[in-house]
Amino acid sequence: MKKPVHSVSDHAVLRYLERVKGVDVEACRTEIGRIVDRGMALGAVGVVIDAFVYRIENQCVVTVYRRNHPRVGHKGRRHLRGGGDE
């Protein structure tokens, strides 16, 4: 598929999801906040639930990504598996 000539802002994607696809973005925001609140209430400094990492900076969730997949544009760490308690 050919790359579009025009770029698309995050704001436009958000509004498209809300108005065209019918996604309730505020409900998603509330759900993410509650997921993170539960983990943080238990004393966590980060939250990983159902293979998703909720990255938090300055008490704000800044991204969500799959635990075993490096974020796009970032080199992932290789985890060496050894014997033992794993």
N, C-alpha and C. Protein backbone atom coordinates (compact mmCIF):
# COMPACT_ATOMS: atom_id res chain seq x y z
N MET A 1 0.85 -1.18 0.00
CA MET A 1 0.00 0.00 0.00
C MET A 1 0.89 1.24 0.00
N LYS A 2 0.57 2.17 -0.83
CA LYS A 2 1.34 3.41 -0.96
C LYS A 2 1.10 4.30 0.26
N LYS A 3 2.19 4.90 0.73
CA LYS A 3 2.11 5.81 1.87
C LYS A 3 1.36 7.08 1.46
N PRO A 4 0.44 7.57 2.31
CA PRO A 4 -0.30 8.79 1.97
C PRO A 4 0.62 10.01 1.86
N VAL A 5 0.22 10.95 1.06
CA VAL A 5 0.97 12.20 0.88
C VAL A 5 0.83 13.07 2.13
N HIS A 6 -0.35 13.07 2.72
CA HIS A 6 -0.62 13.93 3.88
C HIS A 6 -0.43 13.16 5.18
N SER A 7 0.21 13.80 6.14
CA SER A 7 0.34 13.19 7.46
C SER A 7 -0.98 13.37 8.22
N VAL A 8 -1.14 12.61 9.28
CA VAL A 8 -2.37 12.66 10.08
C VAL A 8 -1.97 12.87 11.54
N SER A 9 -2.51 13.90 12.16
CA SER A 9 -2.17 14.21 13.54
C SER A 9 -2.84 13.23 14.50
N ASP A 10 -2.30 13.13 15.70
CA ASP A 10 -2.91 12.30 16.75
C ASP A 10 -4.32 12.78 17.05
N HIS A 11 -4.52 14.09 17.03
CA HIS A 11 -5.84 14.66 17.28
C HIS A 11 -6.85 14.17 16.23
N ALA A 12 -6.44 14.16 14.96
CA ALA A 12 -7.32 13.70 13.90
C ALA A 12 -7.66 12.22 14.06
N VAL A 13 -6.67 11.42 14.44
CA VAL A 13 -6.93 9.99 14.66
C VAL A 13 -7.91 9.80 15.81
N LEU A 14 -7.72 10.55 16.87
CA LEU A 14 -8.61 10.47 18.02
C LEU A 14 -10.05 10.83 17.63
N ARG A 15 -10.21 11.91 16.92
CA ARG A 15 -11.56 12.33 16.50
C ARG A 15 -12.17 11.33 15.52
N TYR A 16 -11.36 10.74 14.64
CA TYR A 16 -11.83 9.72 13.72
C TYR A 16 -12.36 8.51 14.49
N LEU A 17 -11.59 8.08 15.48
CA LEU A 17 -12.03 6.94 16.30
C LEU A 17 -13.35 7.25 17.01
N GLU A 18 -13.47 8.47 17.52
CA GLU A 18 -14.71 8.87 18.21
C GLU A 18 -15.89 9.00 17.26
N ARG A 19 -15.71 9.79 16.22
CA ARG A 19 -16.84 10.21 15.38
C ARG A 19 -17.16 9.27 14.23
N VAL A 20 -16.17 8.60 13.69
CA VAL A 20 -16.41 7.71 12.56
C VAL A 20 -16.59 6.26 13.03
N LYS A 21 -15.69 5.82 13.89
CA LYS A 21 -15.73 4.43 14.36
C LYS A 21 -16.60 4.24 15.59
N GLY A 22 -16.99 5.33 16.25
CA GLY A 22 -17.87 5.22 17.40
C GLY A 22 -17.21 4.75 18.68
N VAL A 23 -15.90 4.91 18.79
CA VAL A 23 -15.18 4.51 19.99
C VAL A 23 -15.42 5.56 21.09
N ASP A 24 -15.78 5.11 22.26
CA ASP A 24 -15.97 6.00 23.40
C ASP A 24 -14.61 6.22 24.06
N VAL A 25 -13.92 7.25 23.63
CA VAL A 25 -12.56 7.51 24.07
C VAL A 25 -12.50 7.81 25.57
N GLU A 26 -13.46 8.53 26.09
CA GLU A 26 -13.47 8.82 27.53
C GLU A 26 -13.64 7.55 28.35
N ALA A 27 -14.44 6.60 27.85
CA ALA A 27 -14.59 5.32 28.55
C ALA A 27 -13.26 4.56 28.53
N CYS A 28 -12.55 4.63 27.41
CA CYS A 28 -11.23 4.00 27.32
C CYS A 28 -10.26 4.65 28.31
N ARG A 29 -10.29 5.97 28.39
CA ARG A 29 -9.42 6.70 29.31
C ARG A 29 -9.71 6.29 30.75
N THR A 30 -10.99 6.18 31.09
CA THR A 30 -11.39 5.77 32.44
C THR A 30 -10.94 4.34 32.73
N GLU A 31 -11.11 3.46 31.76
CA GLU A 31 -10.70 2.07 31.94
C GLU A 31 -9.20 1.95 32.18
N ILE A 32 -8.41 2.65 31.38
CA ILE A 32 -6.95 2.64 31.56
C ILE A 32 -6.59 3.18 32.93
N GLY A 33 -7.20 4.29 33.32
CA GLY A 33 -6.92 4.89 34.62
C GLY A 33 -7.23 3.94 35.77
N ARG A 34 -8.34 3.23 35.68
CA ARG A 34 -8.70 2.29 36.75
C ARG A 34 -7.75 1.10 36.80
N ILE A 35 -7.34 0.60 35.64
CA ILE A 35 -6.38 -0.50 35.60
C ILE A 35 -5.09 -0.10 36.30
N VAL A 36 -4.59 1.07 35.95
CA VAL A 36 -3.34 1.56 36.53
C VAL A 36 -3.51 1.87 38.01
N ASP A 37 -4.64 2.47 38.39
CA ASP A 37 -4.88 2.78 39.80
C ASP A 37 -4.82 1.54 40.68
N ARG A 38 -5.40 0.42 40.19
CA ARG A 38 -5.38 -0.82 40.98
C ARG A 38 -3.96 -1.29 41.21
N GLY A 39 -3.15 -1.27 40.17
CA GLY A 39 -1.76 -1.70 40.33
C GLY A 39 -0.96 -0.77 41.22
N MET A 40 -1.15 0.50 41.04
CA MET A 40 -0.40 1.48 41.83
C MET A 40 -0.81 1.45 43.30
N ALA A 41 -2.07 1.15 43.56
CA ALA A 41 -2.55 1.07 44.94
C ALA A 41 -1.86 -0.05 45.70
N LEU A 42 -1.37 -1.04 44.97
CA LEU A 42 -0.66 -2.16 45.59
C LEU A 42 0.83 -1.87 45.75
N GLY A 43 1.23 -0.65 45.43
CA GLY A 43 2.61 -0.24 45.62
C GLY A 43 3.50 -0.42 44.40
N ALA A 44 2.93 -0.70 43.26
CA ALA A 44 3.73 -0.90 42.04
C ALA A 44 4.28 0.43 41.54
N VAL A 45 5.40 0.36 40.84
CA VAL A 45 5.96 1.55 40.20
C VAL A 45 5.67 1.54 38.70
N GLY A 46 5.14 0.43 38.22
CA GLY A 46 4.71 0.27 36.84
C GLY A 46 3.65 -0.81 36.83
N VAL A 47 2.92 -0.91 35.74
CA VAL A 47 1.82 -1.86 35.69
C VAL A 47 1.92 -2.71 34.43
N VAL A 48 1.87 -4.03 34.62
CA VAL A 48 1.80 -4.99 33.52
C VAL A 48 0.61 -5.89 33.80
N ILE A 49 -0.39 -5.85 32.92
CA ILE A 49 -1.59 -6.65 33.09
C ILE A 49 -1.93 -7.29 31.74
N ASP A 50 -2.19 -8.59 31.77
CA ASP A 50 -2.57 -9.32 30.57
C ASP A 50 -1.63 -9.06 29.40
N ALA A 51 -0.33 -9.12 29.66
CA ALA A 51 0.72 -8.96 28.65
C ALA A 51 0.84 -7.54 28.10
N PHE A 52 0.21 -6.57 28.73
CA PHE A 52 0.34 -5.18 28.31
C PHE A 52 1.04 -4.38 29.39
N VAL A 53 1.97 -3.53 28.97
CA VAL A 53 2.68 -2.65 29.88
C VAL A 53 2.04 -1.27 29.79
N TYR A 54 1.72 -0.71 30.94
CA TYR A 54 1.18 0.64 31.03
C TYR A 54 2.32 1.51 31.54
N ARG A 55 2.92 2.29 30.66
CA ARG A 55 4.08 3.11 31.02
C ARG A 55 3.60 4.42 31.65
N ILE A 56 4.16 4.70 32.82
CA ILE A 56 3.72 5.85 33.60
C ILE A 56 4.90 6.81 33.81
N GLU A 57 4.66 8.08 33.54
CA GLU A 57 5.64 9.13 33.78
C GLU A 57 4.93 10.30 34.45
N ASN A 58 5.46 10.75 35.57
CA ASN A 58 4.89 11.88 36.30
C ASN A 58 3.39 11.68 36.57
N GLN A 59 3.04 10.50 37.05
CA GLN A 59 1.66 10.14 37.39
C GLN A 59 0.69 10.22 36.22
N CYS A 60 1.21 10.01 34.99
CA CYS A 60 0.38 10.02 33.79
C CYS A 60 0.73 8.80 32.95
N VAL A 61 -0.27 8.05 32.51
CA VAL A 61 -0.02 6.93 31.61
C VAL A 61 0.30 7.53 30.24
N VAL A 62 1.51 7.27 29.76
CA VAL A 62 1.94 7.89 28.51
C VAL A 62 1.88 6.94 27.31
N THR A 63 1.84 5.64 27.57
CA THR A 63 1.68 4.69 26.47
C THR A 63 1.31 3.31 27.02
N VAL A 64 0.82 2.47 26.13
CA VAL A 64 0.49 1.09 26.44
C VAL A 64 1.04 0.24 25.30
N TYR A 65 1.75 -0.82 25.64
CA TYR A 65 2.29 -1.68 24.59
C TYR A 65 2.36 -3.13 25.07
N ARG A 66 2.43 -4.06 24.11
CA ARG A 66 2.54 -5.48 24.45
C ARG A 66 3.87 -5.73 25.14
N ARG A 67 3.84 -6.52 26.17
CA ARG A 67 5.02 -6.79 26.99
C ARG A 67 6.17 -7.40 26.21
N ASN A 68 5.91 -8.35 25.35
CA ASN A 68 6.97 -9.07 24.67
C ASN A 68 7.33 -8.51 23.31
N HIS A 69 6.83 -7.34 22.98
CA HIS A 69 7.12 -6.74 21.69
C HIS A 69 7.73 -5.36 21.94
N PRO A 70 8.93 -5.10 21.42
CA PRO A 70 9.52 -3.77 21.61
C PRO A 70 8.69 -2.70 20.92
N ARG A 71 8.67 -1.53 21.49
CA ARG A 71 7.95 -0.42 20.88
C ARG A 71 8.59 -0.07 19.55
N VAL A 72 7.80 0.38 18.61
CA VAL A 72 8.30 0.74 17.29
C VAL A 72 9.34 1.85 17.43
N GLY A 73 10.46 1.68 16.76
CA GLY A 73 11.51 2.70 16.79
C GLY A 73 12.48 2.54 17.95
N HIS A 74 12.26 1.55 18.78
CA HIS A 74 13.14 1.32 19.92
C HIS A 74 13.72 -0.09 19.82
N LYS A 75 14.96 -0.21 20.15
CA LYS A 75 15.56 -1.53 20.16
C LYS A 75 15.17 -2.21 21.46
N GLY A 76 14.60 -3.38 21.34
CA GLY A 76 14.21 -4.13 22.53
C GLY A 76 15.41 -4.80 23.17
N ARG A 77 15.31 -5.07 24.44
CA ARG A 77 16.37 -5.79 25.14
C ARG A 77 16.19 -7.28 24.88
N ARG A 78 17.28 -7.96 24.73
CA ARG A 78 17.22 -9.41 24.61
C ARG A 78 17.34 -9.99 26.00
N HIS A 79 16.41 -10.82 26.34
CA HIS A 79 16.44 -11.47 27.65
C HIS A 79 17.00 -12.86 27.47
N LEU A 80 18.08 -13.14 28.16
CA LEU A 80 18.67 -14.46 28.06
C LEU A 80 18.00 -15.36 29.08
N ARG A 81 17.61 -16.51 28.60
CA ARG A 81 16.96 -17.47 29.49
C ARG A 81 18.03 -18.42 30.02
N GLY A 82 18.06 -18.54 31.29
CA GLY A 82 18.99 -19.48 31.91
C GLY A 82 18.20 -20.48 32.73
N GLY A 83 18.87 -21.42 33.28
CA GLY A 83 18.21 -22.38 34.15
C GLY A 83 17.87 -21.71 35.46
N GLY A 84 17.12 -22.40 36.28
CA GLY A 84 16.87 -21.84 37.60
C GLY A 84 15.41 -21.64 37.88
N ASP A 85 15.09 -20.51 38.47
CA ASP A 85 13.76 -20.27 39.04
C ASP A 85 12.74 -19.74 38.05
N GLU A 86 13.05 -19.70 36.78
CA GLU A 86 12.11 -19.10 35.83
C GLU A 86 10.87 -19.89 35.65
